[in-house]
N, C-alpha and C. Protein backbone atom coordinates (compact mmCIF):
# COMPACT_ATOMS: atom_id res chain seq x y z
N MET A 1 -23.31 -20.12 11.24
CA MET A 1 -23.00 -19.35 10.04
C MET A 1 -23.16 -20.18 8.78
N LYS A 2 -23.08 -21.51 8.91
CA LYS A 2 -23.23 -22.35 7.71
C LYS A 2 -24.63 -22.21 7.13
N TRP A 3 -25.63 -21.99 8.01
CA TRP A 3 -27.00 -21.85 7.51
C TRP A 3 -27.17 -20.55 6.73
N VAL A 4 -26.39 -19.53 7.07
CA VAL A 4 -26.45 -18.29 6.28
C VAL A 4 -25.98 -18.56 4.86
N GLY A 5 -24.93 -19.38 4.73
CA GLY A 5 -24.45 -19.75 3.40
C GLY A 5 -25.48 -20.54 2.62
N VAL A 6 -26.12 -21.50 3.28
CA VAL A 6 -27.14 -22.32 2.61
C VAL A 6 -28.31 -21.45 2.17
N ILE A 7 -28.77 -20.57 3.05
CA ILE A 7 -29.90 -19.69 2.71
C ILE A 7 -29.53 -18.75 1.57
N SER A 8 -28.29 -18.24 1.57
CA SER A 8 -27.84 -17.34 0.50
C SER A 8 -27.84 -18.06 -0.84
N ILE A 9 -27.35 -19.29 -0.86
CA ILE A 9 -27.29 -20.05 -2.11
C ILE A 9 -28.69 -20.34 -2.63
N VAL A 10 -29.60 -20.76 -1.75
CA VAL A 10 -30.98 -21.05 -2.18
C VAL A 10 -31.66 -19.78 -2.68
N SER A 11 -31.45 -18.67 -1.98
CA SER A 11 -32.04 -17.39 -2.41
C SER A 11 -31.51 -16.98 -3.78
N LEU A 12 -30.22 -17.21 -4.00
CA LEU A 12 -29.61 -16.89 -5.28
C LEU A 12 -30.24 -17.69 -6.40
N CYS A 13 -30.48 -18.97 -6.16
CA CYS A 13 -31.13 -19.82 -7.16
C CYS A 13 -32.53 -19.30 -7.49
N PHE A 14 -33.31 -18.97 -6.47
CA PHE A 14 -34.67 -18.47 -6.71
C PHE A 14 -34.66 -17.13 -7.41
N LEU A 15 -33.67 -16.29 -7.10
CA LEU A 15 -33.57 -14.99 -7.75
C LEU A 15 -33.34 -15.15 -9.25
N VAL A 16 -32.43 -16.05 -9.60
CA VAL A 16 -32.14 -16.29 -11.02
C VAL A 16 -33.36 -16.87 -11.73
N LEU A 17 -34.01 -17.86 -11.11
CA LEU A 17 -35.17 -18.48 -11.74
C LEU A 17 -36.34 -17.51 -11.89
N ALA A 18 -36.50 -16.61 -10.92
CA ALA A 18 -37.62 -15.67 -10.97
C ALA A 18 -37.44 -14.64 -12.08
N LYS A 19 -36.22 -14.28 -12.39
CA LYS A 19 -35.96 -13.21 -13.35
C LYS A 19 -35.26 -13.73 -14.61
N ALA A 20 -35.22 -15.05 -14.80
CA ALA A 20 -34.47 -15.62 -15.91
C ALA A 20 -35.05 -15.19 -17.25
N ASP A 21 -34.21 -14.62 -18.10
CA ASP A 21 -34.61 -14.22 -19.44
C ASP A 21 -33.37 -14.24 -20.31
N PHE A 22 -33.22 -15.30 -21.08
CA PHE A 22 -32.04 -15.45 -21.91
C PHE A 22 -32.33 -15.09 -23.36
N SER A 23 -33.37 -14.30 -23.60
CA SER A 23 -33.72 -13.96 -24.98
C SER A 23 -32.61 -13.16 -25.67
N LYS A 24 -31.84 -12.40 -24.89
CA LYS A 24 -30.77 -11.62 -25.50
C LYS A 24 -29.66 -12.51 -26.06
N ALA A 25 -29.58 -13.73 -25.57
CA ALA A 25 -28.54 -14.64 -26.06
C ALA A 25 -28.75 -14.98 -27.52
N PHE A 26 -29.99 -14.81 -28.00
CA PHE A 26 -30.29 -15.16 -29.39
C PHE A 26 -30.53 -13.92 -30.24
N SER A 27 -29.87 -12.82 -29.88
CA SER A 27 -30.03 -11.58 -30.63
C SER A 27 -29.43 -11.74 -32.02
N ALA A 28 -29.93 -10.96 -32.94
CA ALA A 28 -29.47 -11.06 -34.34
C ALA A 28 -28.01 -10.64 -34.43
N PHE A 29 -27.23 -11.43 -35.13
CA PHE A 29 -25.80 -11.15 -35.23
C PHE A 29 -25.50 -9.98 -36.16
N GLU A 30 -26.50 -9.53 -36.94
CA GLU A 30 -26.23 -8.36 -37.79
C GLU A 30 -26.23 -7.06 -36.99
N ASP A 31 -26.73 -7.10 -35.75
CA ASP A 31 -26.75 -5.91 -34.90
C ASP A 31 -25.63 -5.95 -33.86
N LEU A 32 -24.45 -6.34 -34.26
CA LEU A 32 -23.35 -6.51 -33.32
C LEU A 32 -22.86 -5.16 -32.79
N LEU A 33 -22.65 -5.12 -31.48
CA LEU A 33 -22.03 -3.95 -30.86
C LEU A 33 -20.51 -4.10 -30.82
N VAL A 34 -20.04 -5.33 -30.87
CA VAL A 34 -18.60 -5.63 -30.89
C VAL A 34 -18.35 -6.55 -32.06
N GLU A 35 -17.09 -6.74 -32.42
CA GLU A 35 -16.77 -7.53 -33.61
C GLU A 35 -17.05 -9.02 -33.42
N ASN A 36 -16.86 -9.51 -32.22
CA ASN A 36 -16.98 -10.94 -31.97
C ASN A 36 -18.38 -11.26 -31.45
N PRO A 37 -19.16 -12.09 -32.18
CA PRO A 37 -20.53 -12.39 -31.71
C PRO A 37 -20.56 -13.14 -30.38
N VAL A 38 -19.54 -13.96 -30.09
CA VAL A 38 -19.49 -14.68 -28.82
C VAL A 38 -19.32 -13.68 -27.67
N THR A 39 -18.48 -12.66 -27.87
CA THR A 39 -18.29 -11.64 -26.86
C THR A 39 -19.58 -10.86 -26.62
N GLN A 40 -20.34 -10.61 -27.69
CA GLN A 40 -21.60 -9.89 -27.52
C GLN A 40 -22.58 -10.70 -26.67
N ILE A 41 -22.68 -11.99 -26.92
CA ILE A 41 -23.57 -12.84 -26.11
C ILE A 41 -23.13 -12.81 -24.66
N TYR A 42 -21.81 -12.88 -24.44
CA TYR A 42 -21.29 -12.86 -23.08
C TYR A 42 -21.63 -11.55 -22.37
N LEU A 43 -21.42 -10.42 -23.07
CA LEU A 43 -21.65 -9.13 -22.45
C LEU A 43 -23.13 -8.90 -22.14
N PHE A 44 -24.03 -9.36 -23.01
CA PHE A 44 -25.46 -9.21 -22.76
C PHE A 44 -25.92 -10.02 -21.55
N ASN A 45 -25.26 -11.14 -21.30
CA ASN A 45 -25.69 -12.04 -20.23
C ASN A 45 -24.67 -12.12 -19.11
N ARG A 46 -23.90 -11.08 -18.94
CA ARG A 46 -22.80 -11.12 -17.97
C ARG A 46 -23.29 -11.27 -16.53
N LEU A 47 -24.40 -10.66 -16.21
CA LEU A 47 -24.90 -10.76 -14.85
C LEU A 47 -25.24 -12.20 -14.50
N TYR A 48 -25.87 -12.91 -15.45
CA TYR A 48 -26.19 -14.31 -15.20
C TYR A 48 -24.91 -15.13 -15.02
N ASP A 49 -23.91 -14.83 -15.83
CA ASP A 49 -22.63 -15.52 -15.72
C ASP A 49 -22.03 -15.30 -14.32
N THR A 50 -22.06 -14.06 -13.86
CA THR A 50 -21.51 -13.75 -12.53
C THR A 50 -22.29 -14.43 -11.42
N VAL A 51 -23.62 -14.46 -11.56
CA VAL A 51 -24.45 -15.10 -10.54
C VAL A 51 -24.10 -16.58 -10.43
N PHE A 52 -23.96 -17.25 -11.57
CA PHE A 52 -23.65 -18.68 -11.52
C PHE A 52 -22.22 -18.94 -11.03
N GLU A 53 -21.29 -18.05 -11.37
CA GLU A 53 -19.93 -18.18 -10.83
C GLU A 53 -19.95 -18.12 -9.30
N VAL A 54 -20.65 -17.12 -8.76
CA VAL A 54 -20.73 -16.95 -7.31
C VAL A 54 -21.45 -18.13 -6.68
N LEU A 55 -22.48 -18.63 -7.33
CA LEU A 55 -23.22 -19.78 -6.81
C LEU A 55 -22.32 -21.01 -6.69
N VAL A 56 -21.58 -21.31 -7.76
CA VAL A 56 -20.69 -22.48 -7.74
C VAL A 56 -19.59 -22.29 -6.71
N PHE A 57 -19.03 -21.08 -6.64
CA PHE A 57 -17.95 -20.85 -5.67
C PHE A 57 -18.47 -20.92 -4.24
N SER A 58 -19.68 -20.42 -4.01
CA SER A 58 -20.27 -20.50 -2.66
C SER A 58 -20.46 -21.95 -2.23
N LEU A 59 -20.90 -22.77 -3.16
CA LEU A 59 -21.04 -24.20 -2.86
C LEU A 59 -19.69 -24.83 -2.53
N ALA A 60 -18.65 -24.43 -3.27
CA ALA A 60 -17.31 -24.97 -3.01
C ALA A 60 -16.82 -24.58 -1.62
N VAL A 61 -16.98 -23.31 -1.26
CA VAL A 61 -16.55 -22.83 0.07
C VAL A 61 -17.33 -23.54 1.17
N LEU A 62 -18.64 -23.66 0.98
CA LEU A 62 -19.47 -24.33 1.97
C LEU A 62 -19.08 -25.79 2.13
N GLY A 63 -18.83 -26.47 1.00
CA GLY A 63 -18.43 -27.88 1.06
C GLY A 63 -17.10 -28.09 1.74
N VAL A 64 -16.12 -27.24 1.41
CA VAL A 64 -14.79 -27.37 2.03
C VAL A 64 -14.87 -27.11 3.53
N SER A 65 -15.58 -26.05 3.93
CA SER A 65 -15.64 -25.73 5.36
C SER A 65 -16.40 -26.80 6.16
N MET A 66 -17.48 -27.34 5.59
CA MET A 66 -18.23 -28.37 6.31
C MET A 66 -17.44 -29.68 6.39
N HIS A 67 -16.78 -30.06 5.30
CA HIS A 67 -15.99 -31.29 5.32
C HIS A 67 -14.78 -31.15 6.24
N SER A 68 -14.12 -29.99 6.19
CA SER A 68 -12.93 -29.79 7.02
C SER A 68 -13.26 -29.79 8.50
N SER A 69 -14.47 -29.37 8.86
CA SER A 69 -14.83 -29.35 10.28
C SER A 69 -14.90 -30.76 10.87
N LEU A 70 -14.98 -31.77 10.01
CA LEU A 70 -15.02 -33.16 10.48
C LEU A 70 -13.64 -33.79 10.57
N LEU A 71 -12.62 -33.10 10.07
CA LEU A 71 -11.27 -33.66 10.04
C LEU A 71 -10.47 -33.20 11.26
N PRO A 72 -9.58 -34.04 11.77
CA PRO A 72 -8.70 -33.60 12.86
C PRO A 72 -7.58 -32.72 12.32
N SER A 73 -7.03 -31.89 13.17
CA SER A 73 -5.88 -31.07 12.78
C SER A 73 -4.60 -31.85 13.01
N PRO A 74 -3.60 -31.72 12.12
CA PRO A 74 -2.32 -32.40 12.36
C PRO A 74 -1.64 -31.84 13.59
N PRO A 75 -0.81 -32.63 14.28
CA PRO A 75 -0.16 -32.15 15.52
C PRO A 75 0.73 -30.93 15.29
N THR A 76 1.45 -30.91 14.17
CA THR A 76 2.29 -29.75 13.84
C THR A 76 2.04 -29.38 12.38
N ILE A 77 2.07 -28.09 12.12
CA ILE A 77 1.88 -27.60 10.75
C ILE A 77 3.18 -26.94 10.33
N ARG A 78 3.84 -27.56 9.36
CA ARG A 78 5.11 -27.02 8.88
C ARG A 78 4.85 -26.02 7.77
N VAL A 79 5.68 -24.99 7.70
CA VAL A 79 5.60 -24.00 6.63
C VAL A 79 6.95 -23.90 5.95
N ILE A 80 6.99 -23.17 4.85
CA ILE A 80 8.26 -22.95 4.15
C ILE A 80 9.13 -22.05 5.01
N THR A 81 10.34 -22.51 5.28
CA THR A 81 11.21 -21.77 6.20
C THR A 81 12.37 -21.08 5.48
N ASP A 82 12.56 -21.35 4.19
CA ASP A 82 13.65 -20.71 3.46
C ASP A 82 13.41 -19.20 3.42
N VAL A 83 14.39 -18.41 3.87
CA VAL A 83 14.21 -16.97 4.01
C VAL A 83 13.95 -16.30 2.67
N SER A 84 14.72 -16.69 1.64
CA SER A 84 14.54 -16.05 0.34
C SER A 84 13.15 -16.35 -0.23
N MET A 85 12.67 -17.58 -0.03
CA MET A 85 11.32 -17.93 -0.51
C MET A 85 10.25 -17.16 0.24
N ARG A 86 10.46 -16.96 1.53
CA ARG A 86 9.47 -16.23 2.34
C ARG A 86 9.39 -14.77 1.89
N ILE A 87 10.55 -14.16 1.66
CA ILE A 87 10.56 -12.76 1.21
C ILE A 87 9.92 -12.65 -0.17
N PHE A 88 10.30 -13.56 -1.07
CA PHE A 88 9.78 -13.52 -2.44
C PHE A 88 8.26 -13.72 -2.44
N ALA A 89 7.76 -14.66 -1.63
CA ALA A 89 6.32 -14.93 -1.59
C ALA A 89 5.55 -13.71 -1.08
N ARG A 90 6.07 -13.05 -0.06
CA ARG A 90 5.39 -11.85 0.46
C ARG A 90 5.41 -10.72 -0.57
N PHE A 91 6.53 -10.60 -1.28
CA PHE A 91 6.67 -9.58 -2.32
C PHE A 91 5.63 -9.81 -3.42
N ILE A 92 5.51 -11.04 -3.89
CA ILE A 92 4.53 -11.37 -4.93
C ILE A 92 3.11 -11.21 -4.40
N ALA A 93 2.87 -11.59 -3.15
CA ALA A 93 1.54 -11.46 -2.56
C ALA A 93 1.10 -10.00 -2.52
N PHE A 94 2.04 -9.10 -2.21
CA PHE A 94 1.70 -7.67 -2.18
C PHE A 94 1.24 -7.20 -3.55
N PHE A 95 1.98 -7.55 -4.60
CA PHE A 95 1.61 -7.10 -5.94
C PHE A 95 0.34 -7.79 -6.44
N LEU A 96 0.13 -9.02 -6.03
CA LEU A 96 -1.13 -9.69 -6.36
C LEU A 96 -2.32 -8.97 -5.72
N MET A 97 -2.18 -8.55 -4.47
CA MET A 97 -3.27 -7.87 -3.79
C MET A 97 -3.56 -6.51 -4.44
N VAL A 98 -2.51 -5.76 -4.77
CA VAL A 98 -2.71 -4.47 -5.43
C VAL A 98 -3.36 -4.67 -6.80
N SER A 99 -2.88 -5.66 -7.56
CA SER A 99 -3.46 -5.94 -8.88
C SER A 99 -4.91 -6.38 -8.77
N SER A 100 -5.22 -7.15 -7.73
CA SER A 100 -6.61 -7.61 -7.57
C SER A 100 -7.54 -6.44 -7.27
N LEU A 101 -7.08 -5.49 -6.47
CA LEU A 101 -7.91 -4.30 -6.18
C LEU A 101 -8.15 -3.49 -7.45
N TYR A 102 -7.10 -3.33 -8.26
CA TYR A 102 -7.26 -2.60 -9.52
C TYR A 102 -8.24 -3.33 -10.44
N LEU A 103 -8.11 -4.64 -10.53
CA LEU A 103 -8.99 -5.43 -11.40
C LEU A 103 -10.43 -5.38 -10.92
N ALA A 104 -10.64 -5.34 -9.62
CA ALA A 104 -12.01 -5.25 -9.08
C ALA A 104 -12.66 -3.93 -9.47
N LEU A 105 -11.89 -2.86 -9.51
CA LEU A 105 -12.45 -1.54 -9.82
C LEU A 105 -12.53 -1.26 -11.31
N GLU A 106 -11.63 -1.84 -12.10
CA GLU A 106 -11.57 -1.53 -13.53
C GLU A 106 -11.87 -2.72 -14.43
N GLY A 107 -12.14 -3.88 -13.85
CA GLY A 107 -12.28 -5.09 -14.65
C GLY A 107 -13.52 -5.15 -15.50
N TYR A 108 -14.51 -4.28 -15.23
CA TYR A 108 -15.75 -4.33 -16.01
C TYR A 108 -15.53 -3.89 -17.46
N ARG A 109 -14.39 -3.28 -17.76
CA ARG A 109 -14.13 -2.81 -19.11
C ARG A 109 -13.84 -3.96 -20.08
N SER A 110 -13.54 -5.13 -19.54
CA SER A 110 -13.25 -6.30 -20.38
C SER A 110 -13.71 -7.54 -19.61
N PRO A 111 -13.83 -8.70 -20.30
CA PRO A 111 -14.20 -9.92 -19.56
C PRO A 111 -13.26 -10.16 -18.39
N GLY A 112 -13.82 -10.52 -17.27
CA GLY A 112 -13.03 -10.69 -16.05
C GLY A 112 -13.75 -9.99 -14.93
N GLY A 113 -13.08 -9.10 -14.26
CA GLY A 113 -13.75 -8.32 -13.23
C GLY A 113 -13.65 -8.92 -11.86
N GLY A 114 -14.79 -8.93 -11.15
CA GLY A 114 -14.80 -9.28 -9.74
C GLY A 114 -14.31 -10.67 -9.42
N PHE A 115 -14.72 -11.66 -10.20
CA PHE A 115 -14.35 -13.03 -9.87
C PHE A 115 -12.85 -13.26 -10.04
N SER A 116 -12.30 -12.83 -11.17
CA SER A 116 -10.86 -13.02 -11.38
C SER A 116 -10.06 -12.17 -10.39
N ALA A 117 -10.57 -11.00 -10.02
CA ALA A 117 -9.90 -10.18 -9.01
C ALA A 117 -9.88 -10.90 -7.66
N GLY A 118 -11.01 -11.53 -7.31
CA GLY A 118 -11.07 -12.28 -6.06
C GLY A 118 -10.13 -13.47 -6.04
N VAL A 119 -9.99 -14.14 -7.18
CA VAL A 119 -9.05 -15.27 -7.25
C VAL A 119 -7.61 -14.77 -7.06
N ALA A 120 -7.29 -13.61 -7.65
CA ALA A 120 -5.95 -13.03 -7.45
C ALA A 120 -5.72 -12.68 -5.98
N GLY A 121 -6.73 -12.10 -5.33
CA GLY A 121 -6.61 -11.79 -3.90
C GLY A 121 -6.48 -13.04 -3.06
N GLY A 122 -7.24 -14.08 -3.40
CA GLY A 122 -7.14 -15.36 -2.69
C GLY A 122 -5.78 -16.00 -2.86
N THR A 123 -5.19 -15.84 -4.04
CA THR A 123 -3.84 -16.37 -4.28
C THR A 123 -2.82 -15.65 -3.40
N ALA A 124 -3.02 -14.36 -3.19
CA ALA A 124 -2.13 -13.62 -2.28
C ALA A 124 -2.23 -14.18 -0.87
N PHE A 125 -3.46 -14.47 -0.41
CA PHE A 125 -3.63 -15.07 0.92
C PHE A 125 -2.95 -16.44 0.99
N ALA A 126 -3.06 -17.21 -0.10
CA ALA A 126 -2.44 -18.55 -0.12
C ALA A 126 -0.92 -18.45 -0.01
N LEU A 127 -0.34 -17.49 -0.71
CA LEU A 127 1.12 -17.32 -0.64
C LEU A 127 1.56 -16.95 0.77
N VAL A 128 0.82 -16.05 1.40
CA VAL A 128 1.16 -15.67 2.77
C VAL A 128 0.99 -16.87 3.71
N GLY A 129 -0.06 -17.65 3.49
CA GLY A 129 -0.29 -18.83 4.34
C GLY A 129 0.80 -19.87 4.23
N MET A 130 1.47 -19.94 3.07
CA MET A 130 2.52 -20.94 2.89
C MET A 130 3.82 -20.58 3.59
N VAL A 131 4.04 -19.28 3.81
CA VAL A 131 5.32 -18.88 4.37
C VAL A 131 5.23 -18.30 5.78
N GLU A 132 4.02 -18.09 6.27
CA GLU A 132 3.85 -17.49 7.59
C GLU A 132 3.56 -18.59 8.61
N GLU A 133 4.04 -18.39 9.83
CA GLU A 133 3.72 -19.33 10.89
C GLU A 133 2.21 -19.45 11.04
N PHE A 134 1.72 -20.67 11.21
CA PHE A 134 0.28 -20.88 11.16
C PHE A 134 -0.45 -20.13 12.27
N ASP A 135 0.16 -20.00 13.44
CA ASP A 135 -0.49 -19.28 14.54
C ASP A 135 -0.77 -17.82 14.15
N GLU A 136 0.20 -17.21 13.49
CA GLU A 136 0.03 -15.83 13.04
C GLU A 136 -1.01 -15.73 11.93
N PHE A 137 -0.97 -16.70 11.01
CA PHE A 137 -1.95 -16.75 9.91
C PHE A 137 -3.36 -16.91 10.47
N GLU A 138 -3.49 -17.76 11.49
CA GLU A 138 -4.80 -17.98 12.11
C GLU A 138 -5.27 -16.74 12.86
N ARG A 139 -4.34 -16.02 13.50
CA ARG A 139 -4.71 -14.79 14.20
C ARG A 139 -5.27 -13.76 13.21
N LYS A 140 -4.63 -13.64 12.06
CA LYS A 140 -5.11 -12.69 11.04
C LYS A 140 -6.48 -13.13 10.52
N PHE A 141 -6.62 -14.43 10.30
CA PHE A 141 -7.90 -14.97 9.81
C PHE A 141 -9.02 -14.67 10.80
N THR A 142 -8.73 -14.82 12.10
CA THR A 142 -9.73 -14.56 13.14
C THR A 142 -9.99 -13.06 13.29
N ARG A 143 -8.92 -12.26 13.23
CA ARG A 143 -9.07 -10.82 13.41
C ARG A 143 -9.90 -10.19 12.29
N TRP A 144 -9.71 -10.67 11.04
CA TRP A 144 -10.46 -10.14 9.90
C TRP A 144 -11.86 -10.76 9.80
N LYS A 145 -12.13 -11.77 10.65
CA LYS A 145 -13.45 -12.43 10.64
C LYS A 145 -13.84 -12.86 9.22
N ALA A 146 -12.93 -13.62 8.59
CA ALA A 146 -13.11 -14.01 7.19
C ALA A 146 -14.39 -14.79 6.94
N PRO A 147 -14.79 -15.78 7.79
CA PRO A 147 -16.04 -16.49 7.51
C PRO A 147 -17.26 -15.58 7.52
N ILE A 148 -17.30 -14.64 8.48
CA ILE A 148 -18.44 -13.72 8.55
C ILE A 148 -18.43 -12.78 7.35
N ALA A 149 -17.23 -12.28 7.00
CA ALA A 149 -17.12 -11.37 5.86
C ALA A 149 -17.54 -12.06 4.57
N GLU A 150 -17.20 -13.35 4.44
CA GLU A 150 -17.58 -14.10 3.23
C GLU A 150 -19.09 -14.24 3.14
N LYS A 151 -19.74 -14.54 4.25
CA LYS A 151 -21.21 -14.68 4.26
C LYS A 151 -21.89 -13.33 4.01
N LEU A 152 -21.39 -12.28 4.65
CA LEU A 152 -21.98 -10.96 4.44
C LEU A 152 -21.82 -10.50 2.99
N SER A 153 -20.67 -10.83 2.39
CA SER A 153 -20.46 -10.49 0.98
C SER A 153 -21.47 -11.21 0.10
N ALA A 154 -21.81 -12.46 0.45
CA ALA A 154 -22.80 -13.21 -0.33
C ALA A 154 -24.17 -12.54 -0.23
N VAL A 155 -24.54 -12.12 0.98
CA VAL A 155 -25.84 -11.45 1.17
C VAL A 155 -25.86 -10.11 0.43
N LEU A 156 -24.76 -9.36 0.51
CA LEU A 156 -24.68 -8.08 -0.19
C LEU A 156 -24.72 -8.29 -1.70
N PHE A 157 -24.08 -9.35 -2.16
CA PHE A 157 -24.12 -9.68 -3.59
C PHE A 157 -25.55 -9.93 -4.04
N LEU A 158 -26.32 -10.66 -3.23
CA LEU A 158 -27.73 -10.91 -3.57
C LEU A 158 -28.49 -9.59 -3.72
N ALA A 159 -28.25 -8.66 -2.81
CA ALA A 159 -28.95 -7.37 -2.87
C ALA A 159 -28.56 -6.58 -4.12
N VAL A 160 -27.25 -6.50 -4.40
CA VAL A 160 -26.79 -5.74 -5.56
C VAL A 160 -27.26 -6.41 -6.85
N ALA A 161 -27.20 -7.75 -6.90
CA ALA A 161 -27.66 -8.47 -8.09
C ALA A 161 -29.15 -8.27 -8.32
N ALA A 162 -29.93 -8.22 -7.25
CA ALA A 162 -31.38 -8.01 -7.38
C ALA A 162 -31.65 -6.65 -8.02
N PHE A 163 -30.93 -5.61 -7.58
CA PHE A 163 -31.10 -4.30 -8.20
C PHE A 163 -30.69 -4.34 -9.67
N SER A 164 -29.58 -5.05 -9.97
CA SER A 164 -29.09 -5.12 -11.34
C SER A 164 -30.07 -5.86 -12.25
N PHE A 165 -30.73 -6.91 -11.71
CA PHE A 165 -31.71 -7.64 -12.51
C PHE A 165 -32.86 -6.75 -12.95
N PHE A 166 -33.16 -5.74 -12.14
CA PHE A 166 -34.29 -4.87 -12.45
C PHE A 166 -33.86 -3.56 -13.11
N GLY A 167 -32.68 -3.59 -13.72
CA GLY A 167 -32.29 -2.48 -14.59
C GLY A 167 -31.45 -1.39 -13.98
N VAL A 168 -31.06 -1.49 -12.72
CA VAL A 168 -30.21 -0.46 -12.11
C VAL A 168 -28.75 -0.81 -12.43
N PRO A 169 -28.02 0.07 -13.13
CA PRO A 169 -26.64 -0.25 -13.52
C PRO A 169 -25.67 -0.12 -12.34
N LEU A 170 -25.28 -1.23 -11.78
CA LEU A 170 -24.38 -1.25 -10.62
C LEU A 170 -23.18 -2.15 -10.91
N ILE A 171 -22.50 -1.91 -12.03
CA ILE A 171 -21.44 -2.82 -12.46
C ILE A 171 -20.26 -2.79 -11.50
N THR A 172 -19.77 -1.59 -11.19
CA THR A 172 -18.58 -1.51 -10.31
C THR A 172 -18.88 -2.01 -8.89
N PRO A 173 -20.00 -1.60 -8.25
CA PRO A 173 -20.29 -2.19 -6.93
C PRO A 173 -20.43 -3.71 -6.98
N LEU A 174 -21.02 -4.23 -8.05
CA LEU A 174 -21.17 -5.68 -8.18
C LEU A 174 -19.80 -6.35 -8.27
N ASN A 175 -18.89 -5.76 -9.05
CA ASN A 175 -17.53 -6.30 -9.15
C ASN A 175 -16.83 -6.30 -7.80
N VAL A 176 -16.97 -5.21 -7.04
CA VAL A 176 -16.28 -5.11 -5.75
C VAL A 176 -16.84 -6.12 -4.75
N VAL A 177 -18.16 -6.31 -4.76
CA VAL A 177 -18.77 -7.28 -3.85
C VAL A 177 -18.35 -8.70 -4.22
N VAL A 178 -18.33 -9.02 -5.52
CA VAL A 178 -17.88 -10.35 -5.95
C VAL A 178 -16.41 -10.55 -5.59
N TYR A 179 -15.62 -9.49 -5.74
CA TYR A 179 -14.21 -9.56 -5.36
C TYR A 179 -14.06 -9.92 -3.88
N ALA A 180 -14.80 -9.22 -3.02
CA ALA A 180 -14.72 -9.51 -1.58
C ALA A 180 -15.18 -10.93 -1.29
N LYS A 181 -16.26 -11.35 -1.92
CA LYS A 181 -16.80 -12.71 -1.71
C LYS A 181 -15.78 -13.77 -2.08
N VAL A 182 -15.19 -13.65 -3.26
CA VAL A 182 -14.26 -14.67 -3.73
C VAL A 182 -12.94 -14.61 -2.96
N ALA A 183 -12.46 -13.41 -2.64
CA ALA A 183 -11.20 -13.29 -1.89
C ALA A 183 -11.34 -13.90 -0.50
N PHE A 184 -12.40 -13.55 0.23
CA PHE A 184 -12.59 -14.12 1.57
C PHE A 184 -12.90 -15.61 1.49
N GLY A 185 -13.65 -16.03 0.47
CA GLY A 185 -13.92 -17.47 0.30
C GLY A 185 -12.65 -18.25 0.02
N SER A 186 -11.78 -17.69 -0.83
CA SER A 186 -10.49 -18.35 -1.10
C SER A 186 -9.64 -18.43 0.16
N TRP A 187 -9.67 -17.38 0.96
CA TRP A 187 -8.93 -17.37 2.22
C TRP A 187 -9.45 -18.47 3.14
N MET A 188 -10.77 -18.63 3.19
CA MET A 188 -11.35 -19.70 4.01
C MET A 188 -10.89 -21.08 3.54
N ILE A 189 -10.89 -21.29 2.22
CA ILE A 189 -10.47 -22.59 1.68
C ILE A 189 -9.01 -22.86 2.02
N VAL A 190 -8.15 -21.86 1.81
CA VAL A 190 -6.72 -22.02 2.11
C VAL A 190 -6.53 -22.32 3.60
N TYR A 191 -7.22 -21.58 4.45
CA TYR A 191 -7.12 -21.78 5.89
C TYR A 191 -7.55 -23.20 6.28
N CYS A 192 -8.67 -23.65 5.73
CA CYS A 192 -9.16 -25.01 6.06
C CYS A 192 -8.17 -26.08 5.61
N PHE A 193 -7.64 -25.92 4.40
CA PHE A 193 -6.69 -26.91 3.90
C PHE A 193 -5.43 -26.96 4.77
N ILE A 194 -4.88 -25.79 5.12
CA ILE A 194 -3.65 -25.77 5.91
C ILE A 194 -3.93 -26.29 7.32
N LYS A 195 -5.04 -25.89 7.92
CA LYS A 195 -5.32 -26.28 9.30
C LYS A 195 -5.58 -27.78 9.44
N HIS A 196 -6.31 -28.36 8.49
CA HIS A 196 -6.74 -29.75 8.65
C HIS A 196 -5.93 -30.75 7.82
N ARG A 197 -5.17 -30.28 6.86
CA ARG A 197 -4.38 -31.20 6.04
C ARG A 197 -2.89 -30.88 6.07
N GLY A 198 -2.53 -29.72 6.62
CA GLY A 198 -1.13 -29.34 6.65
C GLY A 198 -0.71 -28.74 5.33
N LEU A 199 0.49 -28.25 5.30
CA LEU A 199 1.00 -27.61 4.08
C LEU A 199 1.98 -28.50 3.34
N LEU A 200 2.89 -29.12 4.07
CA LEU A 200 3.93 -29.93 3.43
C LEU A 200 3.77 -31.39 3.82
């Protein structure tokens, strides 16, 4: 599966280079659609921004998973055992997950969107990982097939981004795919850190 990640990243680079056109970044400031010229530049080039965010994050996930595979697992993995902390962490994780879903669907209305929604979802996974017994956390990770879902999200992102580069407006699907990519990638990073380095 690591080769799927490598191929996705290389394909993403070639896709950006093949269709790169930053001429809109130098548009005349007298034709502003919004009050802030920096915001206008960002909105005109948002797809490129998202592509590079996903590219950097994909490299981070790939690096963490490859490096962690070389590390031994600690004999015991301790988690937070305080009952009030465990309840509070699960409570916050639930609201983080709901907020991340809302942000993935509605985030295109302002700067943010899929990537920040995915980070919120990944934070929810991290909170659950800190307070849940590692065996149960690992069972959920395996049952949801997080590594496969992360790679498939990257491939789907490439397809949706390719359509978007050629003028098909797919903002909400792009946000949702980026959300899934970043959320599952964050889950992989958290899982690797806890499994190979422990929590406490």
